[in-house]
């Protein structure tokens, strides 16, 4: 059994869930079939399906105009929203993919909110490691509210949420899990060494990071759902009638099972329990060795697997996927378009979601979705 640190309840989770349920009943301007798609997503959370797995496919229909985070516009939320709406209009979606406007600040945004030195481009935000070997200059982990990037996050999600009801769904930034915040602020080799030589510093930081994550997570739902009645999803684009979280620990490919299970797994369990629903982001082959420990987390509803750079095939991981399904968890696989149908034949359709990675174009995406539907006779 996974040990779990104390949980801080979400302040208005029941009210947020009721607002989300109501939002899911109405068609959207960019997605008239939204109520049906929302029901499919809800069946997926329950390890079921409505006739077929989830199919989430999207492609830029105008490659000459690249899509992006539009970070050069974040200090002007109106201009940022107009650019993001232009992005939305040129995306061709298929199946159960939702139209979203995402307040995307790049990976592990919580690190930027906690004082890391940042560099910003039009489409990228970098954070630089700065914590010294004694951790003497570590930030005040629990207080992101006074930072510029916390303010930017709140302004962007609120602007998206104001415009979202009846049109599209707002989407959160990637806050990042405690391990990956520490990885960004301390450095990879340094944090690996700390895990062996001074794990108490890491454990203390993880516990003190939890309130910071909680504040940022609560701010997103409060501003989008509570204030504006908007639908809200996270970066995978999965709908849920209740709040949910995508916990992650990309750092786990650098450490062994003992360090992962002692230092980071209890906080992952805590995030799952806090949000009420959770799908873990398992990033690549190096992280896959921790799957058994993750499947012991009682509040973890699903596993999302990314094959990883240099190992693009998802088919190579069918036995892992079958293990996840056998343990009663739902599954999200980011897969090349060429492997979608083979994965459908290899896995149970119940609780299966496929995110089509980089289809060649709108025609190819539509054709693939047609073959997919024919396979399941729907």
Protein backbone atom coordinates (compact mmCIF):
# COMPACT_ATOMS: atom_id res chain seq x y z
CA UNK A 1 0.00 0.00 0.00
CA UNK A 2 1.29 3.42 -0.96
CA UNK A 3 1.80 5.81 1.94
CA UNK A 4 0.06 9.13 1.48
CA UNK A 5 0.82 12.53 2.90
CA UNK A 6 -1.99 14.64 4.46
CA UNK A 7 -4.49 16.03 1.96
CA UNK A 8 -5.89 19.55 1.75
CA UNK A 9 -9.44 19.31 0.33
CA UNK A 10 -10.39 21.47 -2.62
CA UNK A 11 -12.56 24.33 -1.39
CA UNK A 12 -15.50 24.07 -3.83
CA UNK A 13 -15.09 20.74 -5.60
CA UNK A 14 -18.77 19.80 -5.43
CA UNK A 15 -19.88 23.13 -6.88
CA UNK A 16 -17.25 22.93 -9.61
CA UNK A 17 -18.46 19.45 -10.52
CA UNK A 18 -22.05 20.63 -10.82
CA UNK A 19 -21.00 23.50 -13.09
CA UNK A 20 -18.97 21.13 -15.25
CA UNK A 21 -21.90 18.69 -15.52
CA UNK A 22 -24.16 21.51 -16.65
CA UNK A 23 -21.58 22.76 -19.16
CA UNK A 24 -21.39 19.28 -20.69
CA UNK A 25 -25.10 19.33 -21.54
CA UNK A 26 -24.86 22.12 -24.11
CA UNK A 27 -23.39 22.09 -27.65
CA UNK A 28 -20.42 24.33 -28.37
CA UNK A 29 -20.00 26.65 -31.32
CA UNK A 30 -16.77 24.85 -32.25
CA UNK A 31 -18.14 21.41 -31.29
CA UNK A 32 -21.89 20.86 -31.76
CA UNK A 33 -21.50 17.23 -30.65
CA UNK A 34 -19.97 18.20 -27.32
CA UNK A 35 -22.66 16.57 -25.12
CA UNK A 36 -22.15 13.21 -26.84
CA UNK A 37 -18.37 13.54 -26.71
CA UNK A 38 -18.53 14.43 -23.00
CA UNK A 39 -20.55 11.26 -22.36
CA UNK A 40 -17.89 9.23 -24.17
CA UNK A 41 -15.18 10.75 -21.99
CA UNK A 42 -17.18 10.02 -18.85
CA UNK A 43 -17.54 6.38 -19.91
CA UNK A 44 -13.77 6.27 -20.39
CA UNK A 45 -13.19 7.48 -16.81
CA UNK A 46 -15.37 4.57 -15.64
CA UNK A 47 -13.21 2.07 -17.59
CA UNK A 48 -15.99 1.68 -20.14
CA UNK A 49 -16.79 2.85 -23.64
CA UNK A 50 -19.80 3.84 -25.70
CA UNK A 51 -19.37 1.59 -28.70
CA UNK A 52 -15.68 2.36 -29.30
CA UNK A 53 -12.55 3.74 -27.62
CA UNK A 54 -11.90 7.47 -27.46
CA UNK A 55 -10.26 8.83 -30.60
CA UNK A 56 -8.57 12.21 -30.15
CA UNK A 57 -7.16 13.48 -33.40
CA UNK A 58 -6.25 16.99 -34.49
CA UNK A 59 -4.05 18.61 -37.10
CA UNK A 60 -3.14 22.10 -38.22
CA UNK A 61 -5.11 22.61 -41.43
CA UNK A 62 -2.90 25.55 -42.44
CA UNK A 63 0.74 24.56 -41.80
CA UNK A 64 1.95 27.82 -43.33
CA UNK A 65 0.68 29.50 -40.15
CA UNK A 66 2.23 27.55 -37.25
CA UNK A 67 0.29 27.13 -34.03
CA UNK A 68 1.90 28.16 -30.77
CA UNK A 69 1.76 29.20 -27.16
CA UNK A 70 1.78 32.92 -28.11
CA UNK A 71 3.95 33.78 -25.12
CA UNK A 72 4.94 37.04 -26.76
CA UNK A 73 1.35 38.21 -26.14
CA UNK A 74 0.79 37.15 -22.52
CA UNK A 75 0.90 40.69 -21.17
CA UNK A 76 -2.07 41.58 -23.41
CA UNK A 77 -4.73 38.92 -22.69
CA UNK A 78 -7.09 40.27 -25.36
CA UNK A 79 -4.45 40.02 -28.09
CA UNK A 80 -3.39 36.63 -26.77
CA UNK A 81 -6.98 35.36 -26.93
CA UNK A 82 -7.45 36.60 -30.49
CA UNK A 83 -4.30 34.76 -31.57
CA UNK A 84 -5.41 31.59 -29.78
CA UNK A 85 -8.85 31.78 -31.38
CA UNK A 86 -7.17 32.09 -34.76
CA UNK A 87 -5.22 28.95 -33.89
CA UNK A 88 -8.43 27.19 -32.89
CA UNK A 89 -10.15 28.04 -36.17
CA UNK A 90 -7.44 26.38 -38.25
CA UNK A 91 -7.32 23.12 -36.29
CA UNK A 92 -9.12 20.17 -37.87
CA UNK A 93 -10.37 17.82 -35.16
CA UNK A 94 -11.70 14.29 -35.48
CA UNK A 95 -13.49 11.94 -33.14
CA UNK A 96 -13.56 13.00 -29.51
CA UNK A 97 -11.01 15.82 -29.59
CA UNK A 98 -12.28 19.02 -28.00
CA UNK A 99 -11.84 22.62 -29.11
CA UNK A 100 -9.64 24.23 -26.47
CA UNK A 101 -7.93 27.52 -25.75
CA UNK A 102 -5.01 26.74 -23.52
CA UNK A 103 -3.18 29.09 -21.17
CA UNK A 104 0.05 27.31 -22.01
CA UNK A 105 3.17 28.58 -20.25
CA UNK A 106 5.37 25.66 -21.21
CA UNK A 107 6.24 22.59 -19.13
CA UNK A 108 6.42 22.72 -15.33
CA UNK A 109 5.06 26.26 -15.05
CA UNK A 110 5.00 26.07 -11.26
CA UNK A 111 8.79 26.35 -11.25
CA UNK A 112 8.59 29.76 -12.94
CA UNK A 113 6.02 30.84 -10.35
CA UNK A 114 8.42 29.94 -7.55
CA UNK A 115 11.24 32.22 -8.54
CA UNK A 116 13.29 30.43 -11.16
CA UNK A 117 15.13 32.65 -13.59
CA UNK A 118 13.17 32.47 -16.85
CA UNK A 119 13.77 33.20 -20.50
CA UNK A 120 10.78 33.74 -22.75
CA UNK A 121 10.37 33.38 -26.50
CA UNK A 122 7.25 33.53 -28.63
CA UNK A 123 6.67 29.81 -28.06
CA UNK A 124 8.99 28.74 -25.25
CA UNK A 125 9.59 29.52 -21.58
CA UNK A 126 12.84 28.20 -20.08
CA UNK A 127 13.58 27.98 -16.39
CA UNK A 128 17.18 27.76 -15.15
CA UNK A 129 18.44 25.74 -12.21
CA UNK A 130 19.73 27.89 -9.39
CA UNK A 131 19.47 26.03 -6.05
CA UNK A 132 22.92 25.53 -4.53
CA UNK A 133 24.34 22.34 -3.01
CA UNK A 134 23.26 23.32 0.50
CA UNK A 135 19.81 24.41 -0.69
CA UNK A 136 20.51 27.66 1.13
CA UNK A 137 18.88 29.76 -1.61
CA UNK A 138 15.82 27.56 -2.12
CA UNK A 139 12.62 29.57 -2.57
CA UNK A 140 9.67 29.83 -0.20
CA UNK A 141 8.00 26.84 -1.78
CA UNK A 142 4.43 27.42 -0.68
CA UNK A 143 3.85 30.96 -2.02
CA UNK A 144 3.51 31.38 -5.80
CA UNK A 145 0.88 34.14 -5.66
CA UNK A 146 3.22 37.12 -5.73
CA UNK A 147 5.09 36.03 -8.85
CA UNK A 148 4.65 37.50 -12.29
CA UNK A 149 3.90 34.10 -13.82
CA UNK A 150 1.16 33.27 -11.32
CA UNK A 151 -0.48 36.54 -12.32
CA UNK A 152 -0.05 35.77 -16.01
CA UNK A 153 -1.58 32.32 -15.55
CA UNK A 154 -4.60 33.75 -13.75
CA UNK A 155 -5.11 36.53 -16.31
CA UNK A 156 -4.93 34.16 -19.29
CA UNK A 157 -7.16 31.43 -17.87
CA UNK A 158 -9.71 34.04 -16.84
CA UNK A 159 -9.69 35.67 -20.27
CA UNK A 160 -10.14 32.30 -21.97
CA UNK A 161 -12.89 31.34 -19.54
CA UNK A 162 -14.79 34.56 -20.13
CA UNK A 163 -15.05 33.74 -23.81
CA UNK A 164 -15.47 29.96 -23.48
CA UNK A 165 -19.11 29.21 -22.46
CA UNK A 166 -21.09 28.02 -25.46
CA UNK A 167 -18.04 28.21 -27.74
CA UNK A 168 -15.06 26.12 -26.59
CA UNK A 169 -13.35 24.66 -23.52
CA UNK A 170 -10.61 26.39 -21.52
CA UNK A 171 -7.40 24.46 -20.92
CA UNK A 172 -4.89 24.81 -18.09
CA UNK A 173 -1.11 25.18 -18.21
CA UNK A 174 1.10 22.30 -17.14
CA UNK A 175 1.86 23.11 -13.50
CA UNK A 176 4.20 20.14 -13.15
CA UNK A 177 4.68 17.67 -10.33
CA UNK A 178 6.93 18.29 -7.34
CA UNK A 179 9.77 16.15 -8.69
CA UNK A 180 9.92 17.98 -11.99
CA UNK A 181 9.76 21.40 -10.33
CA UNK A 182 12.76 20.38 -8.25
CA UNK A 183 14.49 18.94 -11.32
CA UNK A 184 14.16 22.28 -13.11
CA UNK A 185 15.28 24.37 -10.14
CA UNK A 186 18.12 22.16 -8.91
CA UNK A 187 19.39 20.40 -12.07
CA UNK A 188 19.21 16.75 -13.08
CA UNK A 189 22.59 15.42 -11.95
CA UNK A 190 22.44 17.48 -8.75
CA UNK A 191 18.97 16.20 -7.84
CA UNK A 192 20.01 12.62 -8.57
CA UNK A 193 22.91 13.00 -6.16
CA UNK A 194 20.63 14.64 -3.57
CA UNK A 195 18.28 11.65 -3.75
CA UNK A 196 21.16 9.49 -2.55
CA UNK A 197 22.99 11.82 -0.17
CA UNK A 198 20.43 14.22 1.27
CA UNK A 199 16.95 12.83 0.59
CA UNK A 200 15.57 14.71 3.61
CA UNK A 201 15.98 18.01 1.73
CA UNK A 202 13.98 16.63 -1.19
CA UNK A 203 11.29 15.22 1.09
CA UNK A 204 10.93 18.56 2.86
CA UNK A 205 10.69 20.45 -0.43
CA UNK A 206 8.09 18.04 -1.82
CA UNK A 207 5.88 18.53 1.23
CA UNK A 208 6.28 22.31 1.09
CA UNK A 209 5.54 22.36 -2.65
CA UNK A 210 2.14 20.75 -2.18
CA UNK A 211 0.45 23.96 -0.90
CA UNK A 212 1.89 25.88 -3.87
CA UNK A 213 0.48 23.35 -6.32
CA UNK A 214 -2.82 23.39 -4.42
CA UNK A 215 -3.06 27.19 -4.66
CA UNK A 216 -2.35 27.22 -8.38
CA UNK A 217 -4.70 24.31 -9.10
CA UNK A 218 -7.48 25.92 -7.06
CA UNK A 219 -6.94 29.26 -8.80
CA UNK A 220 -7.52 27.64 -12.19
CA UNK A 221 -10.83 26.03 -11.26
CA UNK A 222 -11.98 29.06 -9.27
CA UNK A 223 -11.39 31.47 -12.13
CA UNK A 224 -12.56 29.32 -15.04
CA UNK A 225 -15.34 27.16 -13.64
CA UNK A 226 -16.60 29.05 -10.60
CA UNK A 227 -16.45 32.60 -11.93
CA UNK A 228 -17.35 32.04 -15.58
CA UNK A 229 -19.05 28.65 -15.84
CA UNK A 230 -16.50 27.48 -18.40
CA UNK A 231 -15.59 23.90 -19.11
CA UNK A 232 -12.01 23.19 -18.08
CA UNK A 233 -9.61 20.46 -19.18
CA UNK A 234 -5.90 19.79 -18.75
CA UNK A 235 -3.23 19.37 -21.39
CA UNK A 236 -4.29 15.92 -22.62
CA UNK A 237 -7.68 17.37 -23.58
CA UNK A 238 -9.72 14.83 -21.60
CA UNK A 239 -13.15 15.99 -20.49
CA UNK A 240 -14.33 15.26 -16.97
CA UNK A 241 -17.55 16.20 -15.20
CA UNK A 242 -15.43 16.53 -12.06
CA UNK A 243 -12.09 18.16 -11.29
CA UNK A 244 -9.10 16.03 -12.19
CA UNK A 245 -5.32 16.22 -12.26
CA UNK A 246 -2.53 14.86 -14.45
CA UNK A 247 0.25 14.09 -11.96
CA UNK A 248 3.68 13.57 -13.45
CA UNK A 249 7.22 12.67 -12.43
CA UNK A 250 9.42 12.74 -15.53
CA UNK A 251 12.41 12.68 -13.16
CA UNK A 252 11.58 9.07 -12.30
CA UNK A 253 13.51 7.72 -15.31
CA UNK A 254 16.70 8.90 -13.57
CA UNK A 255 16.09 7.20 -10.22
CA UNK A 256 15.41 3.73 -8.93
CA UNK A 257 12.21 2.29 -7.47
CA UNK A 258 13.22 2.87 -3.85
CA UNK A 259 13.86 6.59 -4.31
CA UNK A 260 10.74 7.06 -6.45
CA UNK A 261 8.46 5.25 -4.02
CA UNK A 262 9.89 6.95 -0.93
CA UNK A 263 10.35 10.52 -2.12
CA UNK A 264 7.71 11.13 -4.78
CA UNK A 265 4.99 8.48 -4.90
CA UNK A 266 3.27 9.65 -1.67
CA UNK A 267 2.86 13.13 -3.17
CA UNK A 268 1.45 11.67 -6.39
CA UNK A 269 -1.08 9.77 -4.28
CA UNK A 270 -1.86 13.02 -2.45
CA UNK A 271 -2.53 14.90 -5.69
CA UNK A 272 -4.82 12.09 -6.86
CA UNK A 273 -6.80 12.19 -3.62
CA UNK A 274 -6.97 15.99 -3.64
CA UNK A 275 -8.40 16.30 -7.14
CA UNK A 276 -10.68 13.27 -6.96
CA UNK A 277 -9.76 11.99 -10.42
CA UNK A 278 -6.30 11.47 -11.90
CA UNK A 279 -4.46 10.19 -14.96
CA UNK A 280 -0.69 9.76 -14.53
CA UNK A 281 1.66 10.94 -17.28
CA UNK A 282 4.17 8.10 -17.79
CA UNK A 283 6.88 9.57 -19.95
CA UNK A 284 8.73 7.04 -22.01
CA UNK A 285 10.53 3.71 -21.60
CA UNK A 286 12.72 4.83 -18.72
CA UNK A 287 9.68 5.63 -16.62
CA UNK A 288 7.87 2.39 -17.42
CA UNK A 289 9.73 0.42 -14.75
CA UNK A 290 7.67 2.23 -12.10
CA UNK A 291 4.31 1.04 -13.44
CA UNK A 292 3.63 -1.52 -10.70
CA UNK A 293 4.13 1.05 -7.95
CA UNK A 294 1.85 3.50 -9.75
CA UNK A 295 -0.88 0.90 -10.18
CA UNK A 296 -0.88 0.46 -6.39
CA UNK A 297 -2.05 4.08 -5.94
CA UNK A 298 -5.78 3.69 -5.14
CA UNK A 299 -6.81 7.14 -6.37
CA UNK A 300 -5.18 6.79 -9.79
CA UNK A 301 -7.87 6.23 -12.44
CA UNK A 302 -5.72 6.01 -15.55
CA UNK A 303 -2.25 5.89 -17.06
CA UNK A 304 -1.16 7.99 -20.05
CA UNK A 305 1.87 6.65 -21.89
CA UNK A 306 4.15 8.55 -24.26
CA UNK A 307 6.51 6.25 -26.20
CA UNK A 308 9.34 8.79 -25.92
CA UNK A 309 11.90 10.39 -28.18
CA UNK A 310 13.69 7.87 -30.36
CA UNK A 311 11.14 5.14 -29.56
CA UNK A 312 8.04 6.33 -31.38
CA UNK A 313 6.26 2.98 -31.58
CA UNK A 314 3.43 2.45 -29.12
CA UNK A 315 2.90 -1.13 -30.33
CA UNK A 316 6.11 -2.17 -28.59
CA UNK A 317 4.35 -1.51 -25.27
CA UNK A 318 1.21 -3.61 -25.70
CA UNK A 319 2.04 -5.86 -22.73
CA UNK A 320 2.38 -2.81 -20.48
CA UNK A 321 -0.97 -1.51 -21.73
CA UNK A 322 -2.62 -4.88 -21.07
CA UNK A 323 -1.25 -4.83 -17.53
CA UNK A 324 -2.79 -1.38 -16.96
CA UNK A 325 -6.16 -2.56 -18.28
CA UNK A 326 -5.99 -5.78 -16.24
CA UNK A 327 -5.54 -3.71 -13.09
CA UNK A 328 -8.81 -1.88 -13.79
CA UNK A 329 -7.32 1.40 -14.94
CA UNK A 330 -8.17 3.41 -18.03
CA UNK A 331 -5.44 4.04 -20.57
CA UNK A 332 -4.36 6.93 -22.81
CA UNK A 333 -1.80 6.19 -25.52
CA UNK A 334 -0.13 8.82 -27.68
CA UNK A 335 0.42 6.86 -30.87
CA UNK A 336 1.56 7.35 -34.46
CA UNK A 337 -1.38 7.40 -36.83
CA UNK A 338 -0.12 4.24 -38.54
CA UNK A 339 -0.51 2.24 -35.30
CA UNK A 340 -4.01 3.30 -34.26
CA UNK A 341 -5.91 0.39 -35.81
CA UNK A 342 -3.37 -2.22 -34.68
CA UNK A 343 -3.61 -0.96 -31.10
CA UNK A 344 -7.40 -1.18 -31.28
CA UNK A 345 -7.12 -4.83 -32.28
CA UNK A 346 -4.57 -5.60 -29.55
CA UNK A 347 -6.33 -3.94 -26.60
CA UNK A 348 -9.73 -3.96 -24.96
CA UNK A 349 -11.85 -1.01 -26.12
CA UNK A 350 -13.15 -0.31 -22.62
CA UNK A 351 -11.24 2.50 -20.95
CA UNK A 352 -9.00 3.02 -24.00
CA UNK A 353 -8.19 6.46 -25.42
CA UNK A 354 -5.89 7.04 -28.39
CA UNK A 355 -4.30 10.41 -29.11
CA UNK A 356 -3.18 10.48 -32.73
CA UNK A 357 0.33 11.88 -32.93
CA UNK A 358 1.08 14.17 -35.87
CA UNK A 359 -1.25 12.96 -38.65
CA UNK A 360 -0.11 13.96 -42.13
CA UNK A 361 -3.03 16.29 -42.79
CA UNK A 362 -6.81 16.78 -42.52
CA UNK A 363 -7.66 14.29 -45.26
CA UNK A 364 -5.49 11.59 -43.73
CA UNK A 365 -6.95 12.25 -40.28
CA UNK A 366 -10.52 12.02 -41.55
CA UNK A 367 -9.73 8.83 -43.47
CA UNK A 368 -8.16 7.25 -40.37
CA UNK A 369 -11.18 8.12 -38.25
CA UNK A 370 -13.40 6.56 -40.91
CA UNK A 371 -11.39 3.31 -40.77
CA UNK A 372 -11.48 3.43 -36.98
CA UNK A 373 -15.28 3.76 -36.94
CA UNK A 374 -15.62 0.95 -39.49
CA UNK A 375 -13.51 -1.31 -37.26
CA UNK A 376 -16.01 -0.84 -34.43
CA UNK A 377 -19.07 -0.72 -36.72
CA UNK A 378 -20.23 2.66 -35.40
